[in-house]
Amino acid sequence: RRIKLIFENNMPIAYKRIAKASNDILINEDGSQLIDLFGANGTTL
């Protein structure tokens, strides 16, 4: 379990998992929301 956590949290920023999205809003698994200025690596114009 410790090894799994190391690999899953290898990013400096602890991003949550995204469960849904709508236009310019990302909705995390816990229901919190983000205004998306990342655009999935610039794909979702």
PDB file of all heavy atoms in Angstrom:
ATOM      1  N   ARG A   1       0.825  -1.203   0.000  1.00  0.00           N
ATOM      2  CA  ARG A   1       0.000   0.000   0.000  1.00  0.00           C
ATOM      3  C   ARG A   1       0.863   1.259   0.000  1.00  0.00           C
ATOM      4  O   ARG A   1       0.552   2.252  -0.639  1.00  0.00           O
ATOM      5  CB  ARG A   1      -0.939  -0.010   1.212  1.00  0.00           C
ATOM      6  CG  ARG A   1      -2.191  -0.881   1.013  1.00  0.00           C
ATOM      7  CD  ARG A   1      -3.192  -0.649   2.117  1.00  0.00           C
ATOM      8  NE  ARG A   1      -2.750  -1.200   3.387  1.00  0.00           N
ATOM      9  CZ  ARG A   1      -2.961  -2.468   3.757  1.00  0.00           C
ATOM     10  NH1 ARG A   1      -3.584  -3.302   2.941  1.00  0.00           N
ATOM     11  NH2 ARG A   1      -2.540  -2.893   4.938  1.00  0.00           N
ATOM     12  N   ARG A   2       1.990   1.220   0.745  1.00  0.00           N
ATOM     13  CA  ARG A   2       2.887   2.367   0.761  1.00  0.00           C
ATOM     14  C   ARG A   2       3.490   2.610  -0.613  1.00  0.00           C
ATOM     15  O   ARG A   2       3.605   3.744  -1.077  1.00  0.00           O
ATOM     16  CB  ARG A   2       3.992   2.159   1.803  1.00  0.00           C
ATOM     17  CG  ARG A   2       3.520   2.335   3.228  1.00  0.00           C
ATOM     18  CD  ARG A   2       4.691   2.553   4.160  1.00  0.00           C
ATOM     19  NE  ARG A   2       5.593   1.414   4.201  1.00  0.00           N
ATOM     20  CZ  ARG A   2       5.459   0.384   5.025  1.00  0.00           C
ATOM     21  NH1 ARG A   2       4.439   0.334   5.868  1.00  0.00           N
ATOM     22  NH2 ARG A   2       6.329  -0.603   5.019  1.00  0.00           N
ATOM     23  N   ILE A   3       3.894   1.516  -1.297  1.00  0.00           N
ATOM     24  CA  ILE A   3       4.447   1.645  -2.653  1.00  0.00           C
ATOM     25  C   ILE A   3       3.402   2.228  -3.594  1.00  0.00           C
ATOM     26  O   ILE A   3       3.681   3.113  -4.399  1.00  0.00           O
ATOM     27  CB  ILE A   3       4.935   0.272  -3.166  1.00  0.00           C
ATOM     28  CG1 ILE A   3       6.180  -0.168  -2.366  1.00  0.00           C
ATOM     29  CG2 ILE A   3       5.253   0.324  -4.664  1.00  0.00           C
ATOM     30  CD1 ILE A   3       6.615  -1.579  -2.667  1.00  0.00           C
ATOM     31  N   LYS A   4       2.155   1.746  -3.473  1.00  0.00           N
ATOM     32  CA  LYS A   4       1.086   2.248  -4.328  1.00  0.00           C
ATOM     33  C   LYS A   4       0.884   3.749  -4.114  1.00  0.00           C
ATOM     34  O   LYS A   4       0.730   4.518  -5.057  1.00  0.00           O
ATOM     35  CB  LYS A   4      -0.200   1.489  -4.018  1.00  0.00           C
ATOM     36  CG  LYS A   4      -1.404   1.850  -4.900  1.00  0.00           C
ATOM     37  CD  LYS A   4      -2.535   0.878  -4.615  1.00  0.00           C
ATOM     38  CE  LYS A   4      -3.723   1.166  -5.533  1.00  0.00           C
ATOM     39  NZ  LYS A   4      -4.432   2.377  -5.145  1.00  0.00           N
ATOM     40  N   LEU A   5       0.934   4.193  -2.844  1.00  0.00           N
ATOM     41  CA  LEU A   5       0.759   5.615  -2.556  1.00  0.00           C
ATOM     42  C   LEU A   5       1.890   6.442  -3.132  1.00  0.00           C
ATOM     43  O   LEU A   5       1.687   7.545  -3.630  1.00  0.00           O
ATOM     44  CB  LEU A   5       0.674   5.826  -1.033  1.00  0.00           C
ATOM     45  CG  LEU A   5      -0.653   5.431  -0.382  1.00  0.00           C
ATOM     46  CD1 LEU A   5      -0.517   5.472   1.134  1.00  0.00           C
ATOM     47  CD2 LEU A   5      -1.772   6.344  -0.840  1.00  0.00           C
ATOM     48  N   ILE A   6       3.103   5.896  -3.080  1.00  0.00           N
ATOM     49  CA  ILE A   6       4.244   6.621  -3.639  1.00  0.00           C
ATOM     50  C   ILE A   6       4.028   6.872  -5.125  1.00  0.00           C
ATOM     51  O   ILE A   6       4.228   7.974  -5.629  1.00  0.00           O
ATOM     52  CB  ILE A   6       5.553   5.833  -3.399  1.00  0.00           C
ATOM     53  CG1 ILE A   6       5.939   5.914  -1.915  1.00  0.00           C
ATOM     54  CG2 ILE A   6       6.693   6.406  -4.260  1.00  0.00           C
ATOM     55  CD1 ILE A   6       7.075   4.980  -1.534  1.00  0.00           C
ATOM     56  N   PHE A   7       3.609   5.840  -5.847  1.00  0.00           N
ATOM     57  CA  PHE A   7       3.418   5.995  -7.288  1.00  0.00           C
ATOM     58  C   PHE A   7       2.227   6.887  -7.605  1.00  0.00           C
ATOM     59  O   PHE A   7       2.273   7.684  -8.534  1.00  0.00           O
ATOM     60  CB  PHE A   7       3.243   4.616  -7.951  1.00  0.00           C
ATOM     61  CG  PHE A   7       4.546   3.911  -8.191  1.00  0.00           C
ATOM     62  CD1 PHE A   7       5.024   2.969  -7.303  1.00  0.00           C
ATOM     63  CD2 PHE A   7       5.313   4.215  -9.307  1.00  0.00           C
ATOM     64  CE1 PHE A   7       6.230   2.333  -7.523  1.00  0.00           C
ATOM     65  CE2 PHE A   7       6.521   3.589  -9.532  1.00  0.00           C
ATOM     66  CZ  PHE A   7       6.987   2.639  -8.636  1.00  0.00           C
ATOM     67  N   GLU A   8       1.140   6.794  -6.835  1.00  0.00           N
ATOM     68  CA  GLU A   8      -0.044   7.581  -7.127  1.00  0.00           C
ATOM     69  C   GLU A   8       0.154   9.056  -6.781  1.00  0.00           C
ATOM     70  O   GLU A   8      -0.501   9.923  -7.327  1.00  0.00           O
ATOM     71  CB  GLU A   8      -1.248   7.028  -6.359  1.00  0.00           C
ATOM     72  CG  GLU A   8      -1.771   5.713  -6.935  1.00  0.00           C
ATOM     73  CD  GLU A   8      -3.024   5.263  -6.249  1.00  0.00           C
ATOM     74  OE1 GLU A   8      -3.378   5.817  -5.194  1.00  0.00           O
ATOM     75  OE2 GLU A   8      -3.664   4.326  -6.774  1.00  0.00           O
ATOM     76  N   ASN A   9       1.055   9.350  -5.858  1.00  0.00           N
ATOM     77  CA  ASN A   9       1.256  10.725  -5.406  1.00  0.00           C
ATOM     78  C   ASN A   9       2.616  11.269  -5.829  1.00  0.00           C
ATOM     79  O   ASN A   9       3.219  12.068  -5.128  1.00  0.00           O
ATOM     80  CB  ASN A   9       1.101  10.809  -3.881  1.00  0.00           C
ATOM     81  CG  ASN A   9      -0.314  10.465  -3.441  1.00  0.00           C
ATOM     82  OD1 ASN A   9      -1.229  11.210  -3.719  1.00  0.00           O
ATOM     83  ND2 ASN A   9      -0.473   9.342  -2.797  1.00  0.00           N
ATOM     84  N   ASN A  10       3.077  10.812  -6.975  1.00  0.00           N
ATOM     85  CA  ASN A  10       4.404  11.208  -7.438  1.00  0.00           C
ATOM     86  C   ASN A  10       4.436  12.620  -8.000  1.00  0.00           C
ATOM     87  O   ASN A  10       5.483  13.149  -8.280  1.00  0.00           O
ATOM     88  CB  ASN A  10       4.901  10.212  -8.487  1.00  0.00           C
ATOM     89  CG  ASN A  10       6.403  10.261  -8.645  1.00  0.00           C
ATOM     90  OD1 ASN A  10       7.114  10.580  -7.695  1.00  0.00           O
ATOM     91  ND2 ASN A  10       6.884   9.967  -9.835  1.00  0.00           N
ATOM     92  N   MET A  11       3.252  13.240  -8.208  1.00  0.00           N
ATOM     93  CA  MET A  11       3.201  14.611  -8.692  1.00  0.00           C
ATOM     94  C   MET A  11       3.316  15.568  -7.521  1.00  0.00           C
ATOM     95  O   MET A  11       2.726  15.332  -6.464  1.00  0.00           O
ATOM     96  CB  MET A  11       1.898  14.866  -9.455  1.00  0.00           C
ATOM     97  CG  MET A  11       1.796  14.121 -10.770  1.00  0.00           C
ATOM     98  SD  MET A  11       0.270  14.523 -11.664  1.00  0.00           S
ATOM     99  CE  MET A  11      -0.959  13.817 -10.591  1.00  0.00           C
ATOM    100  N   PRO A  12       4.063  16.664  -7.675  1.00  0.00           N
ATOM    101  CA  PRO A  12       4.188  17.639  -6.591  1.00  0.00           C
ATOM    102  C   PRO A  12       2.843  18.206  -6.163  1.00  0.00           C
ATOM    103  O   PRO A  12       2.613  18.454  -4.983  1.00  0.00           O
ATOM    104  CB  PRO A  12       5.082  18.720  -7.197  1.00  0.00           C
ATOM    105  CG  PRO A  12       5.827  18.045  -8.299  1.00  0.00           C
ATOM    106  CD  PRO A  12       4.883  17.024  -8.825  1.00  0.00           C
ATOM    107  N   ILE A  13       1.943  18.449  -7.112  1.00  0.00           N
ATOM    108  CA  ILE A  13       0.617  18.959  -6.789  1.00  0.00           C
ATOM    109  C   ILE A  13      -0.331  17.770  -6.641  1.00  0.00           C
ATOM    110  O   ILE A  13      -0.420  16.924  -7.533  1.00  0.00           O
ATOM    111  CB  ILE A  13       0.103  19.911  -7.889  1.00  0.00           C
ATOM    112  CG1 ILE A  13       1.066  21.090  -8.051  1.00  0.00           C
ATOM    113  CG2 ILE A  13      -1.286  20.419  -7.558  1.00  0.00           C
ATOM    114  CD1 ILE A  13       0.752  21.997  -9.207  1.00  0.00           C
ATOM    115  N   ALA A  14      -1.014  17.696  -5.512  1.00  0.00           N
ATOM    116  CA  ALA A  14      -1.876  16.543  -5.237  1.00  0.00           C
ATOM    117  C   ALA A  14      -3.231  16.718  -5.921  1.00  0.00           C
ATOM    118  O   ALA A  14      -4.221  17.102  -5.293  1.00  0.00           O
ATOM    119  CB  ALA A  14      -2.057  16.376  -3.736  1.00  0.00           C
ATOM    120  N   TYR A  15      -3.261  16.471  -7.218  1.00  0.00           N
ATOM    121  CA  TYR A  15      -4.504  16.607  -7.970  1.00  0.00           C
ATOM    122  C   TYR A  15      -5.511  15.542  -7.551  1.00  0.00           C
ATOM    123  O   TYR A  15      -5.166  14.376  -7.365  1.00  0.00           O
ATOM    124  CB  TYR A  15      -4.231  16.471  -9.469  1.00  0.00           C
ATOM    125  CG  TYR A  15      -3.391  17.556 -10.062  1.00  0.00           C
ATOM    126  CD1 TYR A  15      -2.134  17.275 -10.601  1.00  0.00           C
ATOM    127  CD2 TYR A  15      -3.823  18.875 -10.102  1.00  0.00           C
ATOM    128  CE1 TYR A  15      -1.348  18.271 -11.163  1.00  0.00           C
ATOM    129  CE2 TYR A  15      -3.058  19.884 -10.651  1.00  0.00           C
ATOM    130  CZ  TYR A  15      -1.817  19.563 -11.187  1.00  0.00           C
ATOM    131  OH  TYR A  15      -1.049  20.558 -11.727  1.00  0.00           O
ATOM    132  N   LYS A  16      -6.763  15.945  -7.447  1.00  0.00           N
ATOM    133  CA  LYS A  16      -7.840  14.993  -7.207  1.00  0.00           C
ATOM    134  C   LYS A  16      -8.267  14.357  -8.530  1.00  0.00           C
ATOM    135  O   LYS A  16      -7.963  14.865  -9.608  1.00  0.00           O
ATOM    136  CB  LYS A  16      -9.034  15.713  -6.567  1.00  0.00           C
ATOM    137  CG  LYS A  16      -8.721  16.342  -5.218  1.00  0.00           C
ATOM    138  CD  LYS A  16      -9.921  17.127  -4.693  1.00  0.00           C
ATOM    139  CE  LYS A  16      -9.597  17.790  -3.375  1.00  0.00           C
ATOM    140  NZ  LYS A  16     -10.745  18.592  -2.857  1.00  0.00           N
ATOM    141  N   ARG A  17      -8.981  13.253  -8.422  1.00  0.00           N
ATOM    142  CA  ARG A  17      -9.463  12.588  -9.633  1.00  0.00           C
ATOM    143  C   ARG A  17     -10.713  13.298 -10.147  1.00  0.00           C
ATOM    144  O   ARG A  17     -11.621  13.616  -9.369  1.00  0.00           O
ATOM    145  CB  ARG A  17      -9.756  11.116  -9.357  1.00  0.00           C
ATOM    146  CG  ARG A  17      -8.498  10.348  -8.973  1.00  0.00           C
ATOM    147  CD  ARG A  17      -8.680   8.850  -9.063  1.00  0.00           C
ATOM    148  NE  ARG A  17      -9.703   8.351  -8.167  1.00  0.00           N
ATOM    149  CZ  ARG A  17      -9.943   7.054  -7.976  1.00  0.00           C
ATOM    150  NH1 ARG A  17      -9.250   6.142  -8.637  1.00  0.00           N
ATOM    151  NH2 ARG A  17     -10.885   6.667  -7.138  1.00  0.00           N
ATOM    152  N   ILE A  18     -10.743  13.521 -11.457  1.00  0.00           N
ATOM    153  CA  ILE A  18     -11.868  14.220 -12.082  1.00  0.00           C
ATOM    154  C   ILE A  18     -12.928  13.202 -12.480  1.00  0.00           C
ATOM    155  O   ILE A  18     -12.646  12.257 -13.225  1.00  0.00           O
ATOM    156  CB  ILE A  18     -11.395  15.014 -13.315  1.00  0.00           C
ATOM    157  CG1 ILE A  18     -10.363  16.071 -12.891  1.00  0.00           C
ATOM    158  CG2 ILE A  18     -12.576  15.669 -14.023  1.00  0.00           C
ATOM    159  CD1 ILE A  18      -9.610  16.677 -14.047  1.00  0.00           C
ATOM    160  N   ALA A  19     -14.134  13.409 -11.990  1.00  0.00           N
ATOM    161  CA  ALA A  19     -15.218  12.461 -12.252  1.00  0.00           C
ATOM    162  C   ALA A  19     -16.122  12.892 -13.400  1.00  0.00           C
ATOM    163  O   ALA A  19     -16.657  12.066 -14.137  1.00  0.00           O
ATOM    164  CB  ALA A  19     -16.059  12.268 -10.994  1.00  0.00           C
ATOM    165  N   LYS A  20     -16.300  14.219 -13.560  1.00  0.00           N
ATOM    166  CA  LYS A  20     -17.187  14.744 -14.596  1.00  0.00           C
ATOM    167  C   LYS A  20     -16.650  16.089 -15.063  1.00  0.00           C
ATOM    168  O   LYS A  20     -15.782  16.691 -14.426  1.00  0.00           O
ATOM    169  CB  LYS A  20     -18.613  14.928 -14.060  1.00  0.00           C
ATOM    170  CG  LYS A  20     -19.348  13.649 -13.705  1.00  0.00           C
ATOM    171  CD  LYS A  20     -20.754  13.946 -13.222  1.00  0.00           C
ATOM    172  CE  LYS A  20     -21.631  14.523 -14.312  1.00  0.00           C
ATOM    173  NZ  LYS A  20     -23.033  14.750 -13.884  1.00  0.00           N
ATOM    174  N   ALA A  21     -17.201  16.544 -16.169  1.00  0.00           N
ATOM    175  CA  ALA A  21     -16.840  17.875 -16.656  1.00  0.00           C
ATOM    176  C   ALA A  21     -17.988  18.418 -17.489  1.00  0.00           C
ATOM    177  O   ALA A  21     -18.758  17.659 -18.095  1.00  0.00           O
ATOM    178  CB  ALA A  21     -15.570  17.816 -17.496  1.00  0.00           C
ATOM    179  N   SER A  22     -18.096  19.737 -17.504  1.00  0.00           N
ATOM    180  CA  SER A  22     -19.126  20.403 -18.298  1.00  0.00           C
ATOM    181  C   SER A  22     -18.581  21.735 -18.784  1.00  0.00           C
ATOM    182  O   SER A  22     -18.314  22.631 -17.981  1.00  0.00           O
ATOM    183  CB  SER A  22     -20.389  20.620 -17.453  1.00  0.00           C
ATOM    184  OG  SER A  22     -21.373  21.323 -18.205  1.00  0.00           O
ATOM    185  N   ASN A  23     -18.397  21.846 -20.068  1.00  0.00           N
ATOM    186  CA  ASN A  23     -17.865  23.046 -20.700  1.00  0.00           C
ATOM    187  C   ASN A  23     -16.554  23.470 -20.051  1.00  0.00           C
ATOM    188  O   ASN A  23     -15.524  22.846 -20.230  1.00  0.00           O
ATOM    189  CB  ASN A  23     -18.895  24.173 -20.690  1.00  0.00           C
ATOM    190  CG  ASN A  23     -18.469  25.352 -21.552  1.00  0.00           C
ATOM    191  OD1 ASN A  23     -17.704  25.182 -22.512  1.00  0.00           O
ATOM    192  ND2 ASN A  23     -18.922  26.536 -21.230  1.00  0.00           N
ATOM    193  N   ASP A  24     -16.571  24.507 -19.213  1.00  0.00           N
ATOM    194  CA  ASP A  24     -15.348  25.044 -18.620  1.00  0.00           C
ATOM    195  C   ASP A  24     -15.174  24.650 -17.155  1.00  0.00           C
ATOM    196  O   ASP A  24     -14.307  25.196 -16.460  1.00  0.00           O
ATOM    197  CB  ASP A  24     -15.339  26.574 -18.728  1.00  0.00           C
ATOM    198  CG  ASP A  24     -16.588  27.219 -18.126  1.00  0.00           C
ATOM    199  OD1 ASP A  24     -17.539  26.475 -17.806  1.00  0.00           O
ATOM    200  OD2 ASP A  24     -16.617  28.447 -17.986  1.00  0.00           O
ATOM    201  N   ILE A  25     -15.969  23.696 -16.688  1.00  0.00           N
ATOM    202  CA  ILE A  25     -15.923  23.290 -15.281  1.00  0.00           C
ATOM    203  C   ILE A  25     -15.533  21.815 -15.167  1.00  0.00           C
ATOM    204  O   ILE A  25     -16.104  20.953 -15.841  1.00  0.00           O
ATOM    205  CB  ILE A  25     -17.292  23.503 -14.589  1.00  0.00           C
ATOM    206  CG1 ILE A  25     -17.660  24.989 -14.589  1.00  0.00           C
ATOM    207  CG2 ILE A  25     -17.261  22.950 -13.167  1.00  0.00           C
ATOM    208  CD1 ILE A  25     -16.725  25.872 -13.783  1.00  0.00           C
ATOM    209  N   LEU A  26     -14.546  21.538 -14.297  1.00  0.00           N
ATOM    210  CA  LEU A  26     -14.165  20.179 -13.942  1.00  0.00           C
ATOM    211  C   LEU A  26     -14.757  19.857 -12.580  1.00  0.00           C
ATOM    212  O   LEU A  26     -14.695  20.684 -11.658  1.00  0.00           O
ATOM    213  CB  LEU A  26     -12.646  20.045 -13.881  1.00  0.00           C
ATOM    214  CG  LEU A  26     -11.879  20.359 -15.173  1.00  0.00           C
ATOM    215  CD1 LEU A  26     -10.383  20.380 -14.898  1.00  0.00           C
ATOM    216  CD2 LEU A  26     -12.220  19.353 -16.253  1.00  0.00           C
ATOM    217  N   ILE A  27     -15.313  18.667 -12.447  1.00  0.00           N
ATOM    218  CA  ILE A  27     -15.933  18.264 -11.188  1.00  0.00           C
ATOM    219  C   ILE A  27     -15.160  17.077 -10.633  1.00  0.00           C
ATOM    220  O   ILE A  27     -15.085  16.012 -11.261  1.00  0.00           O
ATOM    221  CB  ILE A  27     -17.411  17.890 -11.397  1.00  0.00           C
ATOM    222  CG1 ILE A  27     -18.163  19.052 -12.057  1.00  0.00           C
ATOM    223  CG2 ILE A  27     -18.065  17.507 -10.068  1.00  0.00           C
ATOM    224  CD1 ILE A  27     -19.555  18.712 -12.523  1.00  0.00           C
ATOM    225  N   ASN A  28     -14.553  17.272  -9.485  1.00  0.00           N
ATOM    226  CA  ASN A  28     -13.753  16.226  -8.862  1.00  0.00           C
ATOM    227  C   ASN A  28     -14.630  15.137  -8.266  1.00  0.00           C
ATOM    228  O   ASN A  28     -15.835  15.298  -8.090  1.00  0.00           O
ATOM    229  CB  ASN A  28     -12.851  16.826  -7.776  1.00  0.00           C
ATOM    230  CG  ASN A  28     -11.787  17.730  -8.358  1.00  0.00           C
ATOM    231  OD1 ASN A  28     -11.191  17.415  -9.380  1.00  0.00           O
ATOM    232  ND2 ASN A  28     -11.554  18.864  -7.719  1.00  0.00           N
ATOM    233  N   GLU A  29     -13.981  14.041  -7.916  1.00  0.00           N
ATOM    234  CA  GLU A  29     -14.687  12.891  -7.361  1.00  0.00           C
ATOM    235  C   GLU A  29     -15.412  13.247  -6.068  1.00  0.00           C
ATOM    236  O   GLU A  29     -16.455  12.665  -5.757  1.00  0.00           O
ATOM    237  CB  GLU A  29     -13.667  11.774  -7.107  1.00  0.00           C
ATOM    238  CG  GLU A  29     -14.253  10.386  -7.032  1.00  0.00           C
ATOM    239  CD  GLU A  29     -13.180   9.321  -6.994  1.00  0.00           C
ATOM    240  OE1 GLU A  29     -12.067   9.611  -6.516  1.00  0.00           O
ATOM    241  OE2 GLU A  29     -13.447   8.197  -7.459  1.00  0.00           O
ATOM    242  N   ASP A  30     -14.879  14.218  -5.318  1.00  0.00           N
ATOM    243  CA  ASP A  30     -15.518  14.610  -4.060  1.00  0.00           C
ATOM    244  C   ASP A  30     -16.572  15.696  -4.250  1.00  0.00           C
ATOM    245  O   ASP A  30     -17.132  16.214  -3.286  1.00  0.00           O
ATOM    246  CB  ASP A  30     -14.463  15.070  -3.046  1.00  0.00           C
ATOM    247  CG  ASP A  30     -13.717  16.324  -3.509  1.00  0.00           C
ATOM    248  OD1 ASP A  30     -14.048  16.868  -4.585  1.00  0.00           O
ATOM    249  OD2 ASP A  30     -12.783  16.750  -2.805  1.00  0.00           O
ATOM    250  N   GLY A  31     -16.842  16.074  -5.507  1.00  0.00           N
ATOM    251  CA  GLY A  31     -17.860  17.069  -5.800  1.00  0.00           C
ATOM    252  C   GLY A  31     -17.347  18.486  -5.916  1.00  0.00           C
ATOM    253  O   GLY A  31     -18.081  19.377  -6.360  1.00  0.00           O
ATOM    254  N   SER A  32     -16.096  18.745  -5.519  1.00  0.00           N
ATOM    255  CA  SER A  32     -15.531  20.086  -5.660  1.00  0.00           C
ATOM    256  C   SER A  32     -15.324  20.421  -7.130  1.00  0.00           C
ATOM    257  O   SER A  32     -15.168  19.525  -7.975  1.00  0.00           O
ATOM    258  CB  SER A  32     -14.209  20.194  -4.895  1.00  0.00           C
ATOM    259  OG  SER A  32     -13.275  19.235  -5.363  1.00  0.00           O
ATOM    260  N   GLN A  33     -15.316  21.704  -7.456  1.00  0.00           N
ATOM    261  CA  GLN A  33     -15.277  22.133  -8.847  1.00  0.00           C
ATOM    262  C   GLN A  33     -14.086  23.049  -9.121  1.00  0.00           C
ATOM    263  O   GLN A  33     -13.581  23.730  -8.228  1.00  0.00           O
ATOM    264  CB  GLN A  33     -16.569  22.861  -9.211  1.00  0.00           C
ATOM    265  CG  GLN A  33     -17.805  21.979  -9.109  1.00  0.00           C
ATOM    266  CD  GLN A  33     -19.053  22.662  -9.627  1.00  0.00           C
ATOM    267  OE1 GLN A  33     -18.999  23.771 -10.164  1.00  0.00           O
ATOM    268  NE2 GLN A  33     -20.190  22.001  -9.476  1.00  0.00           N
ATOM    269  N   LEU A  34     -13.657  23.029 -10.379  1.00  0.00           N
ATOM    270  CA  LEU A  34     -12.539  23.849 -10.837  1.00  0.00           C
ATOM    271  C   LEU A  34     -12.907  24.533 -12.136  1.00  0.00           C
ATOM    272  O   LEU A  34     -13.558  23.930 -13.002  1.00  0.00           O
ATOM    273  CB  LEU A  34     -11.294  22.983 -11.086  1.00  0.00           C
ATOM    274  CG  LEU A  34     -10.690  22.228  -9.910  1.00  0.00           C
ATOM    275  CD1 LEU A  34      -9.881  21.048 -10.420  1.00  0.00           C
ATOM    276  CD2 LEU A  34      -9.816  23.157  -9.081  1.00  0.00           C
ATOM    277  N   ILE A  35     -12.494  25.791 -12.281  1.00  0.00           N
ATOM    278  CA  ILE A  35     -12.579  26.448 -13.581  1.00  0.00           C
ATOM    279  C   ILE A  35     -11.389  25.963 -14.401  1.00  0.00           C
ATOM    280  O   ILE A  35     -10.237  26.059 -13.970  1.00  0.00           O
ATOM    281  CB  ILE A  35     -12.535  27.981 -13.430  1.00  0.00           C
ATOM    282  CG1 ILE A  35     -13.698  28.459 -12.580  1.00  0.00           C
ATOM    283  CG2 ILE A  35     -12.560  28.653 -14.810  1.00  0.00           C
ATOM    284  CD1 ILE A  35     -13.592  29.918 -12.167  1.00  0.00           C
ATOM    285  N   ASP A  36     -11.659  25.411 -15.568  1.00  0.00           N
ATOM    286  CA  ASP A  36     -10.614  24.751 -16.348  1.00  0.00           C
ATOM    287  C   ASP A  36      -9.926  25.711 -17.309  1.00  0.00           C
ATOM    288  O   ASP A  36     -10.524  26.153 -18.287  1.00  0.00           O
ATOM    289  CB  ASP A  36     -11.206  23.578 -17.129  1.00  0.00           C
ATOM    290  CG  ASP A  36     -10.146  22.762 -17.842  1.00  0.00           C
ATOM    291  OD1 ASP A  36      -8.957  22.919 -17.499  1.00  0.00           O
ATOM    292  OD2 ASP A  36     -10.502  21.983 -18.735  1.00  0.00           O
ATOM    293  N   LEU A  37      -8.664  26.031 -17.022  1.00  0.00           N
ATOM    294  CA  LEU A  37      -7.839  26.790 -17.955  1.00  0.00           C
ATOM    295  C   LEU A  37      -6.725  25.919 -18.525  1.00  0.00           C
ATOM    296  O   LEU A  37      -5.789  26.425 -19.141  1.00  0.00           O
ATOM    297  CB  LEU A  37      -7.231  28.021 -17.266  1.00  0.00           C
ATOM    298  CG  LEU A  37      -8.203  29.091 -16.775  1.00  0.00           C
ATOM    299  CD1 LEU A  37      -7.440  30.306 -16.273  1.00  0.00           C
ATOM    300  CD2 LEU A  37      -9.184  29.501 -17.866  1.00  0.00           C
ATOM    301  N   PHE A  38      -6.830  24.628 -18.307  1.00  0.00           N
ATOM    302  CA  PHE A  38      -5.860  23.661 -18.829  1.00  0.00           C
ATOM    303  C   PHE A  38      -6.341  23.054 -20.140  1.00  0.00           C
ATOM    304  O   PHE A  38      -5.563  22.814 -21.053  1.00  0.00           O
ATOM    305  CB  PHE A  38      -5.610  22.573 -17.780  1.00  0.00           C
ATOM    306  CG  PHE A  38      -4.716  21.456 -18.227  1.00  0.00           C
ATOM    307  CD1 PHE A  38      -3.434  21.713 -18.665  1.00  0.00           C
ATOM    308  CD2 PHE A  38      -5.160  20.143 -18.188  1.00  0.00           C
ATOM    309  CE1 PHE A  38      -2.593  20.667 -19.071  1.00  0.00           C
ATOM    310  CE2 PHE A  38      -4.336  19.100 -18.593  1.00  0.00           C
ATOM    311  CZ  PHE A  38      -3.051  19.364 -19.032  1.00  0.00           C
ATOM    312  N   GLY A  39      -7.635  22.808 -20.229  1.00  0.00           N
ATOM    313  CA  GLY A  39      -8.229  22.338 -21.474  1.00  0.00           C
ATOM    314  C   GLY A  39      -7.719  21.009 -21.970  1.00  0.00           C
ATOM    315  O   GLY A  39      -7.594  20.797 -23.178  1.00  0.00           O
ATOM    316  N   ALA A  40      -7.418  20.086 -21.014  1.00  0.00           N
ATOM    317  CA  ALA A  40      -6.965  18.742 -21.393  1.00  0.00           C
ATOM    318  C   ALA A  40      -5.817  18.812 -22.392  1.00  0.00           C
ATOM    319  O   ALA A  40      -5.899  18.310 -23.508  1.00  0.00           O
ATOM    320  CB  ALA A  40      -8.126  17.912 -21.947  1.00  0.00           C
ATOM    321  N   ASN A  41      -4.744  19.482 -21.961  1.00  0.00           N
ATOM    322  CA  ASN A  41      -3.577  19.683 -22.823  1.00  0.00           C
ATOM    323  C   ASN A  41      -3.916  20.466 -24.090  1.00  0.00           C
ATOM    324  O   ASN A  41      -3.298  20.282 -25.138  1.00  0.00           O
ATOM    325  CB  ASN A  41      -2.920  18.352 -23.203  1.00  0.00           C
ATOM    326  CG  ASN A  41      -2.006  17.836 -22.111  1.00  0.00           C
ATOM    327  OD1 ASN A  41      -1.203  18.574 -21.551  1.00  0.00           O
ATOM    328  ND2 ASN A  41      -2.149  16.570 -21.774  1.00  0.00           N
ATOM    329  N   GLY A  42      -4.889  21.345 -23.982  1.00  0.00           N
ATOM    330  CA  GLY A  42      -5.217  22.202 -25.111  1.00  0.00           C
ATOM    331  C   GLY A  42      -6.105  21.571 -26.160  1.00  0.00           C
ATOM    332  O   GLY A  42      -6.158  22.042 -27.299  1.00  0.00           O
ATOM    333  N   THR A  43      -6.848  20.527 -25.785  1.00  0.00           N
ATOM    334  CA  THR A  43      -7.676  19.840 -26.778  1.00  0.00           C
ATOM    335  C   THR A  43      -9.120  20.326 -26.815  1.00  0.00           C
ATOM    336  O   THR A  43      -9.750  20.324 -27.871  1.00  0.00           O
ATOM    337  CB  THR A  43      -7.694  18.316 -26.525  1.00  0.00           C
ATOM    338  OG1 THR A  43      -8.229  18.068 -25.221  1.00  0.00           O
ATOM    339  CG2 THR A  43      -6.289  17.742 -26.609  1.00  0.00           C
ATOM    340  N   THR A  44      -9.661  20.726 -25.665  1.00  0.00           N
ATOM    341  CA  THR A  44     -11.103  20.989 -25.578  1.00  0.00           C
ATOM    342  C   THR A  44     -11.422  22.466 -25.831  1.00  0.00           C
ATOM    343  O   THR A  44     -11.897  23.174 -24.941  1.00  0.00           O
ATOM    344  CB  THR A  44     -11.649  20.550 -24.205  1.00  0.00           C
ATOM    345  OG1 THR A  44     -10.858  21.164 -23.172  1.00  0.00           O
ATOM    346  CG2 THR A  44     -11.586  19.047 -24.058  1.00  0.00           C
ATOM    347  N   LEU A  45     -11.185  22.924 -27.034  1.00  0.00           N
ATOM    348  CA  LEU A  45     -11.454  24.314 -27.381  1.00  0.00           C
ATOM    349  C   LEU A  45     -12.931  24.645 -27.244  1.00  0.00           C
ATOM    350  O   LEU A  45     -13.300  25.776 -26.927  1.00  0.00           O
ATOM    351  CB  LEU A  45     -10.995  24.604 -28.811  1.00  0.00           C
ATOM    352  CG  LEU A  45     -11.086  26.072 -29.241  1.00  0.00           C
ATOM    353  CD1 LEU A  45      -9.973  26.884 -28.587  1.00  0.00           C
ATOM    354  CD2 LEU A  45     -11.024  26.218 -30.750  1.00  0.00           C
TER     355      LEU A  45
END
